[in-house]
Amino acid sequence: MSLSSFDKKFPPVTQHHHTNSHTMGSSATTTEPEAVGAFNPENLSADELELHAQGHTGELPRQFGALSTLSLAFTITNSWIAYSAVFAIPLIAGGAACVVWSLVVGFVVTSIITLGLAELASAYPTSGGQYHFSFMVTPPRFRAAVSYTIGWVSVFAWWMLACGSCIFCAQAVAAMAAVYHPDFSATQWQIYLIYVALTILSTALITLFPKQLPRAEIACFWMSIIGFVVSTVTVLARSDHKQTGRTVFADWNNNSGWMDGVAFFIGVGQGMFAFIALDAATHVSEEMPNPRRNVPRAMALTMVIGMITSFVWTVAFLFSATDLDEVMNSPSPYLTVYFQAIHNDGVALFFAVWLFLAYVSATISCYATSGRLVWAFSRDNGLPFSKFFSRVHPTLKVPVNATVLTCVFAVLYGLIYIGSTTAFNSFLSISILGLNATYTVPQAIVAIRGRDKVLPPRPFALGKWTGLFCNIFSSLWIAMYTVWFCFPTFIPVKAQNMNYLSVIAVGALLFIALSWFLGKRKTFTGPKVVFEGVSGSIDLSTGHNTRAVEAVDAPQGDMKG
């Protein structure tokens, strides 16, 4: 369904003026355009009035355009590179065929989840993302508690995603160094120091050069696309031996110890990881024009480009690898693929560096997005010392304090890596489960309460039955996968390969519950949603200044529209 069809489906509407029943009844009036000034004394743009309606005022410059938003979203997800980092798990679970079909299934289910999330982003465009969506669709009695929980889960998940991306970069540096120094074996504290350096560098670039961020994201986007094309062509052209089609698409070779069905579901989890962090665009909603349209577009295009690049690249390197068993047992599988296919250490290392730089760009974008999410959540009093972390630097126009907090967390959390890589990696798993949970909780609430009763008019609308299917499927799938994500990857289970995700998830929820009942239950009320002046300025279904003018002051229990 095209976006233009949504405009036809949702023509401009006029909201009612909710007032005290003792003073005035409900009415719907249309006034002349010049009356806008009466309700918009600051002459705010439609986007700023929209933001005001959701309880916030614009503090960040709207410097992201459609391309830079897409670039940010794709640079973080970067499906072909992300899958290069984790494909060894489905390779062990079922061989090359499991690698291919796990990616395909992961794309299908993640696309359905993303459709439901994109619709919510079109309905409620703010940097808060999922915790704000949850607040808007949850019944008033539970609104604050649900929003607070989703907010903290989102923050934890994004922090872990940023840390995971950064540690992969640090490990890649050590692996590339070992190519020319075979006797060198980086210790865990050395990798940690590289990790800290990359974390501080990322934070410095984000906070000191905020105006350059959109252009940098576009450059990183094209660096990834060019890298994909050149890498794919090179490994196919340089490899002397090609795997058979049966090996790549059909033969099943399960080395995980699990039954084939269980092993495949574990592989699909890695296929879903290739499309992780699709909410990134929502967290810059307040930095772009017309986010109701641009955010869903960025999310959809990220999925499409991600599937094309990851599928083509995955099939190319599987055909080009000469020894899949060696790849499976390698500490750096993607490097081994390059060396096997290209037969030239210098050229292979060149592509490995290119891949590394693309991952560094993803790390920087992860820290930038995490900082904006922390800032948005602090703005609604979700964190301790929220007033401090919700400040925007007066000259740089960037949430410096929130971004530095993300940096400090990453540096402290990284200390776990020195003691135990297993514990560190187990914490990282929460990013996959946590983000997917935040994508589906508001969708589940919408499905239960009734889509027509909860969702306002929006440019990107899935329709009654398609939307209901997406919401229900997403909720059930993630509910099921919450169990699968907690399974150990291999059996027999040892301390080195144990999956501690369930313990970590319970610990995170316990922290959230304690912080809620010990203080935030009395102080966190969520976004201060008001609708005064908006209906006179914005058509919620189109994003243009074409609606009838009327002051709207919605009571706390009425969030629709």
Protein backbone atom coordinates (compact mmCIF):
# COMPACT_ATOMS: atom_id res chain seq x y z
CA MET A 1 0.00 0.00 0.00
CA SER A 2 1.48 3.36 -0.99
CA LEU A 3 1.76 6.37 1.28
CA SER A 4 -0.52 8.35 -0.98
CA SER A 5 -3.29 5.84 -0.37
CA PHE A 6 -3.00 6.56 3.33
CA ASP A 7 -3.82 10.21 2.71
CA LYS A 8 -6.97 9.16 0.88
CA LYS A 9 -7.89 6.75 3.61
CA PHE A 10 -7.41 9.35 6.36
CA PRO A 11 -8.68 12.72 5.18
CA PRO A 12 -8.18 15.78 7.38
CA VAL A 13 -10.14 15.48 10.60
CA THR A 14 -11.25 17.90 13.24
CA GLN A 15 -10.77 17.04 16.90
CA HIS A 16 -13.18 17.95 19.63
CA HIS A 17 -12.57 20.33 22.45
CA HIS A 18 -12.62 18.37 25.70
CA THR A 19 -13.58 20.60 28.61
CA ASN A 20 -15.13 20.42 32.01
CA SER A 21 -18.75 19.38 31.56
CA HIS A 22 -19.85 22.08 33.95
CA THR A 23 -18.54 24.86 31.75
CA MET A 24 -18.83 23.84 28.13
CA GLY A 25 -19.91 20.94 26.01
CA SER A 26 -17.96 19.28 23.22
CA SER A 27 -17.83 21.06 19.92
CA ALA A 28 -16.11 20.85 16.58
CA THR A 29 -15.50 24.13 14.88
CA THR A 30 -13.71 25.38 11.81
CA THR A 31 -12.06 28.78 11.82
CA GLU A 32 -10.10 30.86 9.36
CA PRO A 33 -6.36 30.20 8.83
CA GLU A 34 -5.41 33.49 10.46
CA ALA A 35 -6.77 32.11 13.71
CA VAL A 36 -3.75 29.83 13.92
CA GLY A 37 -1.84 32.61 15.59
CA ALA A 38 -4.24 32.58 18.49
CA PHE A 39 -3.27 29.05 19.31
CA ASN A 40 0.29 29.24 17.96
CA PRO A 41 1.71 32.51 19.31
CA GLU A 42 5.30 31.41 18.64
CA ASN A 43 4.54 30.56 14.99
CA LEU A 44 5.87 27.04 15.43
CA SER A 45 6.14 24.69 12.49
CA ALA A 46 3.76 21.78 12.07
CA ASP A 47 6.46 19.39 13.27
CA GLU A 48 7.11 21.43 16.41
CA LEU A 49 3.39 21.69 17.18
CA GLU A 50 3.14 17.95 16.74
CA LEU A 51 5.97 17.52 19.24
CA HIS A 52 4.31 19.98 21.61
CA ALA A 53 1.16 17.87 21.47
CA GLN A 54 3.11 14.89 22.75
CA GLY A 55 4.40 16.76 25.76
CA HIS A 56 7.75 18.11 24.53
CA THR A 57 9.33 21.19 23.00
CA GLY A 58 11.91 21.03 20.24
CA GLU A 59 15.46 21.40 21.57
CA LEU A 60 17.49 19.73 18.82
CA PRO A 61 17.95 21.22 15.34
CA ARG A 62 16.08 19.42 12.57
CA GLN A 63 19.20 18.69 10.54
CA PHE A 64 18.44 15.12 9.44
CA GLY A 65 16.87 14.74 6.00
CA ALA A 66 15.34 11.64 4.44
CA LEU A 67 18.71 10.34 3.15
CA SER A 68 20.67 11.03 6.34
CA THR A 69 17.94 9.37 8.43
CA LEU A 70 18.05 6.30 6.20
CA SER A 71 21.84 6.39 6.39
CA LEU A 72 21.79 6.46 10.19
CA ALA A 73 19.31 3.59 10.35
CA PHE A 74 21.14 1.45 7.80
CA THR A 75 24.61 2.22 9.18
CA ILE A 76 23.54 0.81 12.54
CA THR A 77 21.68 -2.22 11.19
CA ASN A 78 24.16 -2.81 8.32
CA SER A 79 22.72 -6.26 7.74
CA TRP A 80 25.44 -7.70 5.51
CA ILE A 81 28.15 -6.68 7.97
CA ALA A 82 26.13 -7.63 11.06
CA TYR A 83 25.51 -11.11 9.69
CA SER A 84 29.22 -11.44 8.88
CA ALA A 85 29.87 -11.15 12.61
CA VAL A 86 27.44 -13.90 13.71
CA PHE A 87 26.99 -16.33 10.79
CA ALA A 88 29.29 -18.88 12.45
CA ILE A 89 26.50 -19.85 14.86
CA PRO A 90 24.00 -20.96 12.17
CA LEU A 91 26.96 -22.49 10.30
CA ILE A 92 27.59 -24.71 13.31
CA ALA A 93 23.86 -25.30 13.82
CA GLY A 94 23.18 -26.63 10.31
CA GLY A 95 25.92 -25.80 7.84
CA ALA A 96 25.72 -23.38 4.91
CA ALA A 97 22.03 -24.14 4.32
CA CYS A 98 21.20 -23.04 7.86
CA VAL A 99 23.16 -19.81 7.30
CA VAL A 100 21.08 -18.98 4.21
CA TRP A 101 17.62 -19.98 5.41
CA SER A 102 18.07 -18.54 8.90
CA LEU A 103 18.68 -15.18 7.23
CA VAL A 104 15.58 -15.53 5.02
CA VAL A 105 13.30 -16.49 7.90
CA GLY A 106 14.84 -13.79 10.07
CA PHE A 107 14.06 -11.22 7.39
CA VAL A 108 10.43 -12.30 7.02
CA VAL A 109 9.60 -12.23 10.72
CA THR A 110 11.56 -9.05 11.37
CA SER A 111 9.77 -7.34 8.46
CA ILE A 112 6.40 -8.11 10.04
CA ILE A 113 7.59 -6.79 13.41
CA THR A 114 8.99 -3.68 11.73
CA LEU A 115 5.72 -2.93 9.94
CA GLY A 116 3.87 -2.76 13.25
CA LEU A 117 6.62 -0.65 14.80
CA ALA A 118 6.71 1.73 11.81
CA GLU A 119 2.98 2.32 12.14
CA LEU A 120 3.45 3.33 15.77
CA ALA A 121 6.34 5.62 14.77
CA SER A 122 4.04 7.27 12.23
CA ALA A 123 1.38 7.76 14.88
CA TYR A 124 3.65 9.10 17.64
CA PRO A 125 6.88 10.60 16.24
CA THR A 126 9.21 11.39 19.17
CA SER A 127 12.78 10.54 20.10
CA GLY A 128 11.50 8.45 22.99
CA GLY A 129 10.45 5.71 20.61
CA GLN A 130 9.00 2.56 22.16
CA TYR A 131 8.56 3.82 25.71
CA HIS A 132 6.57 6.76 24.35
CA PHE A 133 4.49 4.47 22.12
CA SER A 134 3.73 2.29 25.13
CA PHE A 135 2.64 5.29 27.17
CA MET A 136 0.27 6.48 24.46
CA VAL A 137 -1.49 3.13 23.92
CA THR A 138 -1.63 1.74 27.46
CA PRO A 139 -4.72 2.26 29.68
CA PRO A 140 -4.25 5.21 32.09
CA ARG A 141 -3.98 3.03 35.19
CA PHE A 142 -0.89 1.18 33.92
CA ARG A 143 0.50 3.81 31.55
CA ALA A 144 3.36 5.12 33.66
CA ALA A 145 4.56 1.70 34.89
CA VAL A 146 4.57 0.14 31.41
CA SER A 147 6.27 3.16 29.85
CA TYR A 148 8.93 3.21 32.59
CA THR A 149 9.68 -0.49 32.14
CA ILE A 150 9.93 -0.26 28.35
CA GLY A 151 12.08 2.84 28.68
CA TRP A 152 14.66 1.11 30.84
CA VAL A 153 14.64 -2.05 28.71
CA SER A 154 15.26 0.14 25.64
CA VAL A 155 18.13 1.95 27.35
CA PHE A 156 19.76 -1.29 28.52
CA ALA A 157 19.34 -2.89 25.08
CA TRP A 158 20.83 0.07 23.22
CA TRP A 159 23.72 0.34 25.65
CA MET A 160 24.48 -3.35 25.17
CA LEU A 161 24.20 -3.05 21.40
CA ALA A 162 26.70 -0.18 21.38
CA CYS A 163 29.07 -2.12 23.63
CA GLY A 164 28.76 -5.23 21.47
CA SER A 165 29.53 -3.34 18.30
CA CYS A 166 32.52 -1.67 19.94
CA ILE A 167 34.00 -4.90 21.34
CA PHE A 168 33.72 -6.50 17.90
CA CYS A 169 35.79 -3.63 16.49
CA ALA A 170 38.39 -4.09 19.24
CA GLN A 171 38.59 -7.82 18.54
CA ALA A 172 38.91 -7.12 14.82
CA VAL A 173 41.95 -4.91 15.46
CA ALA A 174 43.61 -7.73 17.40
CA ALA A 175 42.73 -10.27 14.70
CA MET A 176 44.15 -8.09 11.92
CA ALA A 177 47.34 -7.53 13.91
CA ALA A 178 47.77 -11.29 14.20
CA VAL A 179 47.78 -11.64 10.40
CA TYR A 180 51.27 -10.15 10.15
CA HIS A 181 52.36 -11.21 13.62
CA PRO A 182 51.23 -14.84 13.98
CA ASP A 183 52.86 -15.16 17.41
CA PHE A 184 50.83 -12.24 18.76
CA SER A 185 47.80 -13.11 20.86
CA ALA A 186 45.98 -10.14 22.35
CA THR A 187 45.10 -10.43 26.00
CA GLN A 188 41.66 -9.51 27.27
CA TRP A 189 42.91 -6.33 28.92
CA GLN A 190 44.58 -5.22 25.67
CA ILE A 191 41.31 -5.71 23.78
CA TYR A 192 39.56 -3.79 26.57
CA LEU A 193 41.92 -0.82 26.14
CA ILE A 194 41.19 -0.74 22.39
CA TYR A 195 37.49 -0.90 23.26
CA VAL A 196 37.83 2.06 25.66
CA ALA A 197 39.73 4.09 23.06
CA LEU A 198 37.02 3.49 20.44
CA THR A 199 34.29 4.36 22.96
CA ILE A 200 35.91 7.66 23.91
CA LEU A 201 36.64 8.50 20.26
CA SER A 202 33.01 7.84 19.30
CA THR A 203 31.70 10.00 22.14
CA ALA A 204 34.06 12.84 21.26
CA LEU A 205 33.03 12.84 17.60
CA ILE A 206 29.32 12.80 18.48
CA THR A 207 29.48 15.61 21.03
CA LEU A 208 32.06 17.90 19.42
CA PHE A 209 30.92 17.70 15.79
CA PRO A 210 27.12 17.30 15.91
CA LYS A 211 26.47 19.36 12.78
CA GLN A 212 28.62 17.00 10.73
CA LEU A 213 26.76 13.89 11.93
CA PRO A 214 24.11 13.76 9.15
CA ARG A 215 26.71 14.15 6.39
CA ALA A 216 28.96 11.62 8.08
CA GLU A 217 26.09 9.12 8.21
CA ILE A 218 25.53 9.53 4.46
CA ALA A 219 29.24 8.96 3.80
CA CYS A 220 29.19 5.83 5.99
CA PHE A 221 26.10 4.56 4.17
CA TRP A 222 27.83 4.75 0.80
CA MET A 223 31.02 3.28 2.26
CA SER A 224 29.00 0.23 3.32
CA ILE A 225 27.20 -0.09 -0.02
CA ILE A 226 30.42 0.25 -2.03
CA GLY A 227 32.14 -2.20 0.31
CA PHE A 228 29.34 -4.70 -0.24
CA VAL A 229 29.59 -4.46 -4.04
CA VAL A 230 33.38 -4.65 -4.19
CA SER A 231 33.62 -7.45 -1.60
CA THR A 232 31.00 -9.56 -3.34
CA VAL A 233 32.52 -9.18 -6.79
CA THR A 234 36.05 -9.81 -5.50
CA VAL A 235 35.37 -13.01 -3.55
CA LEU A 236 33.39 -14.46 -6.46
CA ALA A 237 36.02 -13.50 -9.03
CA ARG A 238 39.09 -14.52 -7.01
CA SER A 239 37.95 -17.84 -5.56
CA ASP A 240 39.24 -20.82 -7.56
CA HIS A 241 36.93 -23.36 -5.99
CA LYS A 242 33.19 -22.94 -5.62
CA GLN A 243 30.93 -24.85 -3.28
CA THR A 244 28.04 -26.70 -4.94
CA GLY A 245 24.52 -25.33 -4.89
CA ARG A 246 23.45 -28.35 -2.85
CA THR A 247 26.06 -27.57 -0.20
CA VAL A 248 24.96 -23.95 0.07
CA PHE A 249 21.19 -24.38 -0.09
CA ALA A 250 20.28 -27.96 0.85
CA ASP A 251 22.81 -30.04 2.77
CA TRP A 252 22.25 -29.98 6.52
CA ASN A 253 25.29 -30.39 8.76
CA ASN A 254 24.34 -29.95 12.42
CA ASN A 255 27.31 -29.72 14.80
CA SER A 256 25.52 -27.99 17.67
CA GLY A 257 24.49 -31.07 19.62
CA TRP A 258 20.83 -30.02 19.49
CA MET A 259 18.11 -31.66 17.45
CA ASP A 260 17.82 -30.17 13.96
CA GLY A 261 14.64 -28.22 14.74
CA VAL A 262 16.10 -26.60 17.86
CA ALA A 263 19.35 -25.87 16.05
CA PHE A 264 17.49 -24.13 13.23
CA PHE A 265 15.57 -21.87 15.62
CA ILE A 266 18.85 -20.92 17.29
CA GLY A 267 20.16 -20.05 13.82
CA VAL A 268 17.10 -17.95 13.03
CA GLY A 269 17.88 -15.86 16.11
CA GLN A 270 21.13 -14.84 14.43
CA GLY A 271 19.21 -14.12 11.23
CA MET A 272 17.06 -11.71 13.24
CA PHE A 273 20.23 -10.09 14.57
CA ALA A 274 21.08 -9.09 10.99
CA PHE A 275 18.09 -6.71 11.16
CA ILE A 276 18.54 -5.48 14.72
CA ALA A 277 18.03 -1.88 15.89
CA LEU A 278 15.39 -0.94 13.33
CA ASP A 279 14.03 1.59 15.81
CA ALA A 280 17.12 3.79 15.31
CA ALA A 281 15.30 6.23 13.04
CA THR A 282 12.62 6.84 15.68
CA HIS A 283 15.22 8.25 18.07
CA VAL A 284 16.04 11.11 15.70
CA SER A 285 12.38 11.89 14.99
CA GLU A 286 12.79 15.31 16.56
CA GLU A 287 15.74 16.11 14.31
CA MET A 288 14.02 15.73 10.94
CA PRO A 289 11.10 17.29 9.08
CA ASN A 290 7.85 15.36 8.75
CA PRO A 291 8.90 12.35 10.86
CA ARG A 292 5.45 10.76 10.47
CA ARG A 293 6.43 9.89 6.90
CA ASN A 294 10.22 9.86 6.95
CA VAL A 295 10.71 7.50 9.89
CA PRO A 296 8.55 4.65 8.47
CA ARG A 297 10.21 5.11 5.07
CA ALA A 298 13.67 4.86 6.62
CA MET A 299 12.69 1.73 8.52
CA ALA A 300 11.21 0.04 5.44
CA LEU A 301 14.15 0.92 3.18
CA THR A 302 16.60 -0.29 5.82
CA MET A 303 14.89 -3.68 5.74
CA VAL A 304 14.84 -3.87 1.93
CA ILE A 305 18.45 -2.76 1.42
CA GLY A 306 19.52 -4.93 4.33
CA MET A 307 17.96 -8.08 2.87
CA ILE A 308 19.35 -7.51 -0.62
CA THR A 309 22.90 -6.85 0.59
CA SER A 310 22.99 -9.55 3.29
CA PHE A 311 21.48 -12.29 1.13
CA VAL A 312 23.69 -11.63 -1.89
CA TRP A 313 26.82 -11.32 0.24
CA THR A 314 26.00 -14.44 2.29
CA VAL A 315 25.44 -16.60 -0.79
CA ALA A 316 28.59 -15.17 -2.43
CA PHE A 317 30.93 -15.92 0.46
CA LEU A 318 29.43 -19.37 1.09
CA PHE A 319 30.03 -20.33 -2.54
CA SER A 320 33.54 -18.84 -2.42
CA ALA A 321 34.78 -20.36 0.85
CA THR A 322 37.00 -23.38 0.21
CA ASP A 323 36.77 -25.02 3.64
CA LEU A 324 33.61 -24.37 5.65
CA ASP A 325 34.89 -26.49 8.54
CA GLU A 326 37.88 -24.19 8.92
CA VAL A 327 35.56 -21.16 8.80
CA MET A 328 33.35 -22.75 11.45
CA ASN A 329 36.25 -23.27 13.85
CA SER A 330 38.01 -19.97 13.19
CA PRO A 331 38.09 -17.26 15.92
CA SER A 332 37.46 -14.71 13.11
CA PRO A 333 35.22 -16.48 10.55
CA TYR A 334 34.76 -13.50 8.25
CA LEU A 335 38.54 -12.99 8.00
CA THR A 336 38.99 -16.67 7.17
CA VAL A 337 36.43 -16.38 4.35
CA TYR A 338 38.34 -13.46 2.85
CA PHE A 339 41.67 -15.30 3.02
CA GLN A 340 40.23 -18.51 1.55
CA ALA A 341 38.49 -16.76 -1.33
CA ILE A 342 41.04 -14.11 -2.30
CA HIS A 343 44.34 -16.03 -1.79
CA ASN A 344 46.18 -12.80 -1.12
CA ASP A 345 46.81 -11.72 2.46
CA GLY A 346 47.28 -8.05 1.57
CA VAL A 347 44.05 -7.77 -0.43
CA ALA A 348 42.13 -9.81 2.12
CA LEU A 349 43.35 -7.56 4.91
CA PHE A 350 42.33 -4.49 2.89
CA PHE A 351 38.74 -5.76 2.78
CA ALA A 352 38.89 -6.70 6.44
CA VAL A 353 39.89 -3.11 7.24
CA TRP A 354 37.01 -1.84 5.11
CA LEU A 355 34.64 -4.07 7.04
CA PHE A 356 36.18 -2.83 10.29
CA LEU A 357 35.64 0.82 9.34
CA ALA A 358 32.02 0.10 8.49
CA TYR A 359 31.60 -1.48 11.91
CA VAL A 360 33.27 1.53 13.56
CA SER A 361 30.75 3.79 11.83
CA ALA A 362 27.97 1.57 13.20
CA THR A 363 29.50 1.87 16.67
CA ILE A 364 29.53 5.67 16.48
CA SER A 365 25.90 5.68 15.32
CA CYS A 366 24.96 3.31 18.14
CA TYR A 367 26.47 5.63 20.74
CA ALA A 368 24.75 8.64 19.14
CA THR A 369 21.36 6.91 19.15
CA SER A 370 21.83 5.60 22.70
CA GLY A 371 22.63 9.10 23.91
CA ARG A 372 19.49 10.51 22.33
CA LEU A 373 17.35 7.77 23.84
CA VAL A 374 18.83 8.41 27.31
CA TRP A 375 18.21 12.13 26.83
CA ALA A 376 14.59 11.59 25.81
CA PHE A 377 13.94 9.23 28.74
CA SER A 378 15.58 11.69 31.16
CA ARG A 379 13.41 14.48 29.76
CA ASP A 380 10.42 12.50 31.03
CA ASN A 381 12.15 11.90 34.40
CA GLY A 382 12.92 8.25 33.76
CA LEU A 383 16.53 8.27 35.05
CA PRO A 384 18.13 9.26 38.35
CA PHE A 385 19.32 12.88 38.13
CA SER A 386 17.08 13.28 35.08
CA LYS A 387 17.29 17.06 35.16
CA PHE A 388 21.04 16.86 34.57
CA PHE A 389 20.93 14.22 31.86
CA SER A 390 18.05 15.89 30.01
CA ARG A 391 20.06 19.04 29.31
CA VAL A 392 21.00 19.96 25.76
CA HIS A 393 24.27 21.80 25.34
CA PRO A 394 23.40 25.45 24.62
CA THR A 395 25.88 25.93 21.78
CA LEU A 396 26.54 22.43 20.44
CA LYS A 397 22.79 21.62 20.46
CA VAL A 398 23.40 18.00 21.35
CA PRO A 399 22.57 16.01 24.54
CA VAL A 400 26.17 15.94 25.77
CA ASN A 401 25.42 14.76 29.32
CA ALA A 402 23.32 11.81 28.18
CA THR A 403 25.91 10.81 25.58
CA VAL A 404 28.73 10.99 28.13
CA LEU A 405 26.66 8.85 30.51
CA THR A 406 26.45 6.23 27.76
CA CYS A 407 30.23 6.42 27.38
CA VAL A 408 30.82 6.01 31.12
CA PHE A 409 28.49 3.01 31.26
CA ALA A 410 30.31 1.39 28.33
CA VAL A 411 33.74 1.90 29.90
CA LEU A 412 32.64 0.45 33.25
CA TYR A 413 30.69 -2.41 31.69
CA GLY A 414 33.70 -3.33 29.55
CA LEU A 415 35.64 -4.22 32.69
CA ILE A 416 33.62 -7.45 32.75
CA TYR A 417 35.43 -8.48 29.56
CA ILE A 418 38.75 -8.56 31.41
CA GLY A 419 37.36 -11.06 33.90
CA SER A 420 35.12 -13.17 31.66
CA THR A 421 34.37 -12.93 27.95
CA THR A 422 31.51 -15.39 28.48
CA ALA A 423 29.81 -13.10 31.00
CA PHE A 424 30.39 -10.08 28.77
CA ASN A 425 28.88 -11.81 25.73
CA SER A 426 25.91 -13.06 27.75
CA PHE A 427 25.06 -9.50 28.67
CA LEU A 428 25.20 -8.55 24.99
CA SER A 429 22.42 -11.04 24.21
CA ILE A 430 20.01 -8.79 26.07
CA SER A 431 20.22 -6.31 23.19
CA ILE A 432 18.50 -8.73 20.78
CA LEU A 433 15.83 -9.89 23.20
CA GLY A 434 15.34 -6.49 24.82
CA LEU A 435 14.90 -4.51 21.62
CA ASN A 436 12.50 -7.04 20.12
CA ALA A 437 10.48 -7.03 23.34
CA THR A 438 10.16 -3.24 23.20
CA TYR A 439 9.05 -3.49 19.56
CA THR A 440 6.20 -5.85 20.40
CA VAL A 441 4.85 -4.83 23.82
CA PRO A 442 3.08 -1.71 22.46
CA GLN A 443 1.85 -3.77 19.49
CA ALA A 444 0.37 -6.36 21.85
CA ILE A 445 -1.40 -3.61 23.80
CA VAL A 446 -2.81 -2.15 20.58
CA ALA A 447 -4.10 -5.57 19.48
CA ILE A 448 -5.74 -6.22 22.86
CA ARG A 449 -7.32 -2.79 23.29
CA GLY A 450 -8.45 -2.47 19.68
CA ARG A 451 -6.60 -0.67 16.92
CA ASP A 452 -9.47 1.67 16.04
CA LYS A 453 -9.86 2.70 19.66
CA VAL A 454 -6.19 3.43 20.32
CA LEU A 455 -4.38 4.60 17.19
CA PRO A 456 -4.86 8.11 15.78
CA PRO A 457 -4.93 8.95 12.06
CA ARG A 458 -1.44 8.53 10.59
CA PRO A 459 0.22 8.61 7.16
CA PHE A 460 1.50 5.05 7.44
CA ALA A 461 -1.49 2.91 8.36
CA LEU A 462 -1.53 -0.86 7.87
CA GLY A 463 -5.28 -1.19 7.77
CA LYS A 464 -7.54 -3.13 10.10
CA TRP A 465 -6.66 -6.73 9.25
CA THR A 466 -3.07 -6.37 8.04
CA GLY A 467 -2.25 -4.29 11.08
CA LEU A 468 -3.95 -6.74 13.43
CA PHE A 469 -2.04 -9.64 11.86
CA CYS A 470 1.29 -7.82 12.26
CA ASN A 471 0.56 -6.91 15.87
CA ILE A 472 -0.55 -10.41 16.90
CA PHE A 473 2.14 -12.27 14.96
CA SER A 474 4.89 -10.02 16.33
CA SER A 475 3.70 -10.47 19.90
CA LEU A 476 3.40 -14.25 19.67
CA TRP A 477 6.69 -14.70 17.83
CA ILE A 478 8.74 -12.70 20.35
CA ALA A 479 6.93 -14.40 23.25
CA MET A 480 8.06 -17.74 21.79
CA TYR A 481 11.54 -16.52 20.97
CA THR A 482 12.06 -15.24 24.48
CA VAL A 483 12.47 -18.93 25.34
CA TRP A 484 14.70 -19.75 22.35
CA PHE A 485 17.01 -16.82 23.04
CA CYS A 486 17.75 -18.30 26.46
CA PHE A 487 18.88 -21.66 25.05
CA PRO A 488 22.63 -22.44 25.09
CA THR A 489 24.03 -22.36 21.57
CA PHE A 490 25.73 -25.73 21.91
CA ILE A 491 25.48 -28.86 24.00
CA PRO A 492 26.90 -30.34 26.11
CA VAL A 493 26.73 -27.13 28.13
CA LYS A 494 29.90 -25.93 29.82
CA ALA A 495 30.74 -22.77 31.71
CA GLN A 496 32.36 -21.37 28.54
CA ASN A 497 29.26 -21.77 26.34
CA MET A 498 26.48 -21.35 28.88
CA ASN A 499 23.80 -18.81 27.98
CA TYR A 500 23.20 -16.60 31.01
CA LEU A 501 20.60 -14.44 29.28
CA SER A 502 17.72 -15.60 31.47
CA VAL A 503 19.63 -14.66 34.63
CA ILE A 504 20.58 -11.28 33.20
CA ALA A 505 17.02 -10.57 32.04
CA VAL A 506 15.63 -11.36 35.49
CA GLY A 507 18.30 -9.16 37.07
CA ALA A 508 17.46 -6.26 34.75
CA LEU A 509 13.74 -6.56 35.46
CA LEU A 510 14.45 -6.74 39.20
CA PHE A 511 16.45 -3.51 38.97
CA ILE A 512 13.62 -1.82 37.09
CA ALA A 513 11.03 -3.04 39.60
CA LEU A 514 13.06 -1.90 42.62
CA SER A 515 13.75 1.53 41.13
CA TRP A 516 10.04 1.87 40.36
CA PHE A 517 8.69 0.91 43.77
CA LEU A 518 11.44 2.67 45.73
CA GLY A 519 10.92 6.07 44.17
CA LYS A 520 9.98 6.47 40.52
CA ARG A 521 6.44 5.21 41.14
CA LYS A 522 5.76 8.58 42.79
CA THR A 523 7.72 10.81 40.41
CA PHE A 524 7.52 9.27 36.93
CA THR A 525 4.29 10.13 35.16
CA GLY A 526 5.47 9.85 31.56
CA PRO A 527 5.25 12.51 28.84
CA LYS A 528 3.08 15.52 29.70
CA VAL A 529 0.77 15.05 26.76
CA VAL A 530 -1.32 18.07 25.79
CA PHE A 531 -3.22 18.71 22.57
CA GLU A 532 -3.80 22.41 22.83
CA GLY A 533 -3.32 24.18 19.52
CA VAL A 534 -2.41 21.15 17.45
CA SER A 535 -5.59 20.46 15.57
CA GLY A 536 -5.51 24.01 14.35
CA SER A 537 -2.15 23.48 12.73
CA ILE A 538 -1.65 19.92 11.62
CA ASP A 539 -3.44 17.28 9.66
CA LEU A 540 -2.42 14.14 11.53
CA SER A 541 -3.05 12.02 8.48
CA THR A 542 -0.84 14.05 6.16
CA GLY A 543 1.54 16.10 8.29
CA HIS A 544 0.56 19.34 6.49
CA ASN A 545 -0.95 22.56 7.83
CA THR A 546 -4.38 21.87 6.37
CA ARG A 547 -6.53 20.99 9.33
CA ALA A 548 -9.36 22.96 10.77
CA VAL A 549 -8.22 25.16 13.64
CA GLU A 550 -9.35 24.31 17.12
CA ALA A 551 -7.81 24.22 20.57
CA VAL A 552 -7.69 20.76 22.01
CA ASP A 553 -6.93 19.93 25.61
CA ALA A 554 -7.17 16.18 26.03
CA PRO A 555 -7.65 14.76 29.49
CA GLN A 556 -5.08 12.27 30.79
CA GLY A 557 -7.32 9.36 29.96
CA ASP A 558 -7.78 10.22 26.27
CA MET A 559 -4.62 9.78 24.24
CA LYS A 560 -6.07 8.98 20.84
CA GLY A 561 -5.32 11.62 18.26
